[in-house]
Amino acid sequence: MPVANVSLFFLSNHYFSVKIKAVIALLILVGLLLALMLWLLLAPLIIRVDTARQDYSLSWRGIGRVSVVLLNDELALRVRIFFWRMHFFPLRKTDKPDKPTSAKKRSGIQRKFTWPRAKRLLQSFRIQRFKVELDTNDYALNAQLYPLLYWASGPGRDLSVNFSGRNRLLLQIENRLFRIVRVLLF
């Protein structure tokens, strides 16, 4: 009895070709999502205070930035997220009536924010730059402070006294989302 050459659909080359392409597309999509998640976890969050440049900002490198600025003698928040830019005025009063707040029942696991956890959260921040320039407008006091601040300066700390009337604070602090999540979860 002769054996018939039966070609089933799921055994054909076309079926496997389509299935392999779908699997490859799915793997690429999952890989891109994992790369995005990794980028969000590893992108540095930078808090910067620079009194000389009037720069008070929080930036998430590659994602966005929030700066505190003074516009028309009014405090404003300048927000930039990717290509979207907006100004918010947090101290401006609105004419909207306040809605009555109702007590909402919280669901899920409640974790207390304890002092040791707050301490670990603060320790997760890294000081990148710290610079203080000080002038007290008293030459004798400046001369006495000069050796003290020179001695207190070190790597990552630049403390100095000047005699030209400049007072400046530059503080740049960096953290990453994965360090914050690690402290909050564990």
C-alpha atoms as a PDB file:
ATOM      1  CA  MET A   1       0.000   0.000   0.000  1.00  0.00           C
ATOM      2  CA  PRO A   2       1.540   3.250  -1.100  1.00  0.00           C
ATOM      3  CA  VAL A   3       2.029   5.999   1.522  1.00  0.00           C
ATOM      4  CA  ALA A   4       0.375   9.270   0.570  1.00  0.00           C
ATOM      5  CA  ASN A   5       2.439  12.447   0.770  1.00  0.00           C
ATOM      6  CA  VAL A   6       0.291  14.386   3.213  1.00  0.00           C
ATOM      7  CA  SER A   7       1.334  17.931   4.021  1.00  0.00           C
ATOM      8  CA  LEU A   8      -0.398  19.308   7.070  1.00  0.00           C
ATOM      9  CA  PHE A   9      -0.724  23.082   7.512  1.00  0.00           C
ATOM     10  CA  PHE A  10       1.119  23.233  10.822  1.00  0.00           C
ATOM     11  CA  LEU A  11       4.032  21.318   9.354  1.00  0.00           C
ATOM     12  CA  SER A  12       4.467  23.620   6.379  1.00  0.00           C
ATOM     13  CA  ASN A  13       7.385  26.035   6.133  1.00  0.00           C
ATOM     14  CA  HIS A  14       5.092  29.059   5.847  1.00  0.00           C
ATOM     15  CA  TYR A  15       3.480  28.350   9.218  1.00  0.00           C
ATOM     16  CA  PHE A  16       6.857  28.070  10.974  1.00  0.00           C
ATOM     17  CA  SER A  17       8.120  31.183   9.215  1.00  0.00           C
ATOM     18  CA  VAL A  18       5.168  33.261  10.441  1.00  0.00           C
ATOM     19  CA  LYS A  19       5.442  31.810  13.942  1.00  0.00           C
ATOM     20  CA  ILE A  20       9.187  32.521  14.138  1.00  0.00           C
ATOM     21  CA  LYS A  21       8.645  36.095  12.959  1.00  0.00           C
ATOM     22  CA  ALA A  22       5.962  36.604  15.621  1.00  0.00           C
ATOM     23  CA  VAL A  23       8.234  35.217  18.332  1.00  0.00           C
ATOM     24  CA  ILE A  24      11.107  37.432  17.196  1.00  0.00           C
ATOM     25  CA  ALA A  25       8.828  40.497  17.166  1.00  0.00           C
ATOM     26  CA  LEU A  26       7.602  39.625  20.657  1.00  0.00           C
ATOM     27  CA  LEU A  27      11.177  39.173  21.918  1.00  0.00           C
ATOM     28  CA  ILE A  28      12.176  42.548  20.451  1.00  0.00           C
ATOM     29  CA  LEU A  29       9.167  44.202  22.099  1.00  0.00           C
ATOM     30  CA  VAL A  30       9.932  42.607  25.481  1.00  0.00           C
ATOM     31  CA  GLY A  31      13.599  43.576  25.092  1.00  0.00           C
ATOM     32  CA  LEU A  32      12.663  47.209  24.399  1.00  0.00           C
ATOM     33  CA  LEU A  33      10.334  47.295  27.416  1.00  0.00           C
ATOM     34  CA  LEU A  34      13.057  45.829  29.636  1.00  0.00           C
ATOM     35  CA  ALA A  35      15.566  48.366  28.303  1.00  0.00           C
ATOM     36  CA  LEU A  36      13.106  51.192  29.034  1.00  0.00           C
ATOM     37  CA  MET A  37      12.518  49.913  32.579  1.00  0.00           C
ATOM     38  CA  LEU A  38      16.256  49.577  33.129  1.00  0.00           C
ATOM     39  CA  TRP A  39      16.808  53.096  31.817  1.00  0.00           C
ATOM     40  CA  LEU A  40      14.153  54.499  34.167  1.00  0.00           C
ATOM     41  CA  LEU A  41      15.723  52.694  37.127  1.00  0.00           C
ATOM     42  CA  LEU A  42      19.293  53.758  36.306  1.00  0.00           C
ATOM     43  CA  ALA A  43      18.774  57.322  35.017  1.00  0.00           C
ATOM     44  CA  PRO A  44      20.107  59.738  37.647  1.00  0.00           C
ATOM     45  CA  LEU A  45      17.820  62.051  39.583  1.00  0.00           C
ATOM     46  CA  ILE A  46      19.729  65.275  40.269  1.00  0.00           C
ATOM     47  CA  ILE A  47      18.785  67.960  42.774  1.00  0.00           C
ATOM     48  CA  ARG A  48      20.685  71.179  42.122  1.00  0.00           C
ATOM     49  CA  VAL A  49      20.801  74.376  44.177  1.00  0.00           C
ATOM     50  CA  ASP A  50      23.008  77.136  42.767  1.00  0.00           C
ATOM     51  CA  THR A  51      22.474  80.582  44.248  1.00  0.00           C
ATOM     52  CA  ALA A  52      24.872  82.292  41.810  1.00  0.00           C
ATOM     53  CA  ARG A  53      22.886  81.174  38.753  1.00  0.00           C
ATOM     54  CA  GLN A  54      19.493  81.172  40.485  1.00  0.00           C
ATOM     55  CA  ASP A  55      19.139  77.497  39.556  1.00  0.00           C
ATOM     56  CA  TYR A  56      16.900  75.467  41.876  1.00  0.00           C
ATOM     57  CA  SER A  57      15.923  72.317  40.053  1.00  0.00           C
ATOM     58  CA  LEU A  58      15.181  68.617  40.114  1.00  0.00           C
ATOM     59  CA  SER A  59      16.058  66.783  36.925  1.00  0.00           C
ATOM     60  CA  TRP A  60      15.742  63.198  35.799  1.00  0.00           C
ATOM     61  CA  ARG A  61      18.394  62.955  33.113  1.00  0.00           C
ATOM     62  CA  GLY A  62      16.909  62.202  29.728  1.00  0.00           C
ATOM     63  CA  ILE A  63      13.333  62.387  30.991  1.00  0.00           C
ATOM     64  CA  GLY A  64      12.499  65.779  32.454  1.00  0.00           C
ATOM     65  CA  ARG A  65      13.230  68.679  34.737  1.00  0.00           C
ATOM     66  CA  VAL A  66      11.364  70.824  37.268  1.00  0.00           C
ATOM     67  CA  SER A  67      12.848  74.251  38.061  1.00  0.00           C
ATOM     68  CA  VAL A  68      11.768  76.934  40.487  1.00  0.00           C
ATOM     69  CA  VAL A  69      11.797  80.327  38.745  1.00  0.00           C
ATOM     70  CA  LEU A  70      10.559  83.830  39.424  1.00  0.00           C
ATOM     71  CA  LEU A  71       8.262  85.130  36.652  1.00  0.00           C
ATOM     72  CA  ASN A  72       6.764  88.616  36.965  1.00  0.00           C
ATOM     73  CA  ASP A  73       7.528  88.647  40.704  1.00  0.00           C
ATOM     74  CA  GLU A  74       5.616  85.403  41.141  1.00  0.00           C
ATOM     75  CA  LEU A  75       6.994  82.003  42.066  1.00  0.00           C
ATOM     76  CA  ALA A  76       6.587  79.465  39.264  1.00  0.00           C
ATOM     77  CA  LEU A  77       7.516  75.881  38.519  1.00  0.00           C
ATOM     78  CA  ARG A  78       8.919  75.327  35.048  1.00  0.00           C
ATOM     79  CA  VAL A  79       8.237  71.713  34.052  1.00  0.00           C
ATOM     80  CA  ARG A  80       9.780  69.956  31.073  1.00  0.00           C
ATOM     81  CA  ILE A  81       9.002  66.305  30.383  1.00  0.00           C
ATOM     82  CA  PHE A  82      10.529  65.073  27.124  1.00  0.00           C
ATOM     83  CA  PHE A  83       9.276  67.723  24.652  1.00  0.00           C
ATOM     84  CA  TRP A  84       6.376  69.028  26.729  1.00  0.00           C
ATOM     85  CA  ARG A  85       6.940  72.351  28.562  1.00  0.00           C
ATOM     86  CA  MET A  86       4.639  74.028  31.059  1.00  0.00           C
ATOM     87  CA  HIS A  87       4.652  76.659  33.823  1.00  0.00           C
ATOM     88  CA  PHE A  88       2.753  76.118  37.066  1.00  0.00           C
ATOM     89  CA  PHE A  89       2.104  78.796  39.656  1.00  0.00           C
ATOM     90  CA  PRO A  90       1.684  76.951  42.972  1.00  0.00           C
ATOM     91  CA  LEU A  91       1.030  80.080  45.080  1.00  0.00           C
ATOM     92  CA  ARG A  92      -1.624  81.513  42.763  1.00  0.00           C
ATOM     93  CA  LYS A  93      -5.093  81.356  44.240  1.00  0.00           C
ATOM     94  CA  THR A  94      -7.854  79.836  42.186  1.00  0.00           C
ATOM     95  CA  ASP A  95     -11.527  80.743  42.280  1.00  0.00           C
ATOM     96  CA  LYS A  96     -12.649  77.132  42.354  1.00  0.00           C
ATOM     97  CA  PRO A  97     -14.597  76.174  45.460  1.00  0.00           C
ATOM     98  CA  ASP A  98     -12.971  73.524  47.608  1.00  0.00           C
ATOM     99  CA  LYS A  99     -14.582  70.131  47.324  1.00  0.00           C
ATOM    100  CA  PRO A 100     -15.395  68.386  50.560  1.00  0.00           C
ATOM    101  CA  THR A 101     -12.932  65.633  51.201  1.00  0.00           C
ATOM    102  CA  SER A 102     -14.159  62.253  52.196  1.00  0.00           C
ATOM    103  CA  ALA A 103     -12.182  59.695  54.098  1.00  0.00           C
ATOM    104  CA  LYS A 104     -11.082  57.079  51.640  1.00  0.00           C
ATOM    105  CA  LYS A 105     -10.464  53.584  52.814  1.00  0.00           C
ATOM    106  CA  ARG A 106      -6.955  52.416  52.002  1.00  0.00           C
ATOM    107  CA  SER A 107      -6.537  48.957  50.694  1.00  0.00           C
ATOM    108  CA  GLY A 108      -3.511  46.742  50.462  1.00  0.00           C
ATOM    109  CA  ILE A 109      -0.511  46.354  52.713  1.00  0.00           C
ATOM    110  CA  GLN A 110       0.292  49.376  54.852  1.00  0.00           C
ATOM    111  CA  ARG A 111       3.959  50.046  55.603  1.00  0.00           C
ATOM    112  CA  LYS A 112       5.017  52.540  58.172  1.00  0.00           C
ATOM    113  CA  PHE A 113       7.637  55.061  57.165  1.00  0.00           C
ATOM    114  CA  THR A 114       9.930  54.645  60.144  1.00  0.00           C
ATOM    115  CA  TRP A 115      12.962  56.641  61.183  1.00  0.00           C
ATOM    116  CA  PRO A 116      15.486  53.937  60.148  1.00  0.00           C
ATOM    117  CA  ARG A 117      13.888  53.763  56.699  1.00  0.00           C
ATOM    118  CA  ALA A 118      14.016  57.574  56.382  1.00  0.00           C
ATOM    119  CA  LYS A 119      17.674  57.480  57.420  1.00  0.00           C
ATOM    120  CA  ARG A 120      18.460  54.828  54.790  1.00  0.00           C
ATOM    121  CA  LEU A 121      16.604  56.900  52.191  1.00  0.00           C
ATOM    122  CA  LEU A 122      18.714  59.960  53.003  1.00  0.00           C
ATOM    123  CA  GLN A 123      21.873  57.839  52.892  1.00  0.00           C
ATOM    124  CA  SER A 124      20.992  56.691  49.372  1.00  0.00           C
ATOM    125  CA  PHE A 125      21.635  60.227  48.073  1.00  0.00           C
ATOM    126  CA  ARG A 126      25.161  61.066  46.880  1.00  0.00           C
ATOM    127  CA  ILE A 127      26.584  64.573  47.066  1.00  0.00           C
ATOM    128  CA  GLN A 128      28.288  65.286  43.751  1.00  0.00           C
ATOM    129  CA  ARG A 129      29.256  68.901  44.308  1.00  0.00           C
ATOM    130  CA  PHE A 130      29.245  71.094  47.391  1.00  0.00           C
ATOM    131  CA  LYS A 131      30.720  74.563  47.208  1.00  0.00           C
ATOM    132  CA  VAL A 132      30.328  77.475  49.600  1.00  0.00           C
ATOM    133  CA  GLU A 133      31.799  80.921  49.019  1.00  0.00           C
ATOM    134  CA  LEU A 134      31.392  83.205  51.978  1.00  0.00           C
ATOM    135  CA  ASP A 135      32.010  86.891  52.618  1.00  0.00           C
ATOM    136  CA  THR A 136      30.955  88.368  55.957  1.00  0.00           C
ATOM    137  CA  ASN A 137      31.835  91.970  54.925  1.00  0.00           C
ATOM    138  CA  ASP A 138      34.227  92.004  57.907  1.00  0.00           C
ATOM    139  CA  TYR A 139      37.852  91.665  56.810  1.00  0.00           C
ATOM    140  CA  ALA A 140      39.055  90.543  60.243  1.00  0.00           C
ATOM    141  CA  LEU A 141      36.410  87.806  60.538  1.00  0.00           C
ATOM    142  CA  ASN A 142      37.047  86.699  56.944  1.00  0.00           C
ATOM    143  CA  ALA A 143      40.754  86.412  57.746  1.00  0.00           C
ATOM    144  CA  GLN A 144      39.977  84.276  60.810  1.00  0.00           C
ATOM    145  CA  LEU A 145      37.580  82.039  58.867  1.00  0.00           C
ATOM    146  CA  TYR A 146      39.993  81.542  55.954  1.00  0.00           C
ATOM    147  CA  PRO A 147      42.247  78.879  57.582  1.00  0.00           C
ATOM    148  CA  LEU A 148      39.267  77.170  59.238  1.00  0.00           C
ATOM    149  CA  LEU A 149      37.373  76.749  55.946  1.00  0.00           C
ATOM    150  CA  TYR A 150      40.575  75.794  54.130  1.00  0.00           C
ATOM    151  CA  TRP A 151      41.112  73.026  56.696  1.00  0.00           C
ATOM    152  CA  ALA A 152      37.458  71.891  56.491  1.00  0.00           C
ATOM    153  CA  SER A 153      37.582  71.649  52.685  1.00  0.00           C
ATOM    154  CA  GLY A 154      38.266  68.283  51.184  1.00  0.00           C
ATOM    155  CA  PRO A 155      37.359  66.048  48.284  1.00  0.00           C
ATOM    156  CA  GLY A 156      33.832  66.937  47.252  1.00  0.00           C
ATOM    157  CA  ARG A 157      33.716  69.945  49.630  1.00  0.00           C
ATOM    158  CA  ASP A 158      34.933  73.338  48.516  1.00  0.00           C
ATOM    159  CA  LEU A 159      34.583  75.827  51.358  1.00  0.00           C
ATOM    160  CA  SER A 160      36.167  79.219  50.833  1.00  0.00           C
ATOM    161  CA  VAL A 161      36.162  82.785  52.077  1.00  0.00           C
ATOM    162  CA  ASN A 162      36.440  85.659  49.650  1.00  0.00           C
ATOM    163  CA  PHE A 163      36.923  89.356  50.178  1.00  0.00           C
ATOM    164  CA  SER A 164      34.927  90.512  47.152  1.00  0.00           C
ATOM    165  CA  GLY A 165      31.372  90.362  48.516  1.00  0.00           C
ATOM    166  CA  ARG A 166      30.304  87.093  46.856  1.00  0.00           C
ATOM    167  CA  ASN A 167      28.132  84.640  48.774  1.00  0.00           C
ATOM    168  CA  ARG A 168      27.335  81.429  46.961  1.00  0.00           C
ATOM    169  CA  LEU A 169      26.020  77.962  47.639  1.00  0.00           C
ATOM    170  CA  LEU A 170      26.290  75.213  45.054  1.00  0.00           C
ATOM    171  CA  LEU A 171      24.844  71.853  46.025  1.00  0.00           C
ATOM    172  CA  GLN A 172      24.301  69.013  43.590  1.00  0.00           C
ATOM    173  CA  ILE A 173      22.841  65.764  44.926  1.00  0.00           C
ATOM    174  CA  GLU A 174      22.298  62.616  42.864  1.00  0.00           C
ATOM    175  CA  ASN A 175      20.231  59.502  43.374  1.00  0.00           C
ATOM    176  CA  ARG A 176      18.800  56.765  41.175  1.00  0.00           C
ATOM    177  CA  LEU A 177      15.309  55.314  41.222  1.00  0.00           C
ATOM    178  CA  PHE A 178      16.533  51.779  41.903  1.00  0.00           C
ATOM    179  CA  ARG A 179      18.237  52.918  45.149  1.00  0.00           C
ATOM    180  CA  ILE A 180      15.048  54.673  46.282  1.00  0.00           C
ATOM    181  CA  VAL A 181      12.902  51.624  45.433  1.00  0.00           C
ATOM    182  CA  ARG A 182      15.363  49.334  47.225  1.00  0.00           C
ATOM    183  CA  VAL A 183      15.100  51.412  50.410  1.00  0.00           C
ATOM    184  CA  LEU A 184      11.316  51.637  50.261  1.00  0.00           C
ATOM    185  CA  LEU A 185      10.750  47.934  49.553  1.00  0.00           C
ATOM    186  CA  PHE A 186      13.318  46.307  51.831  1.00  0.00           C
END
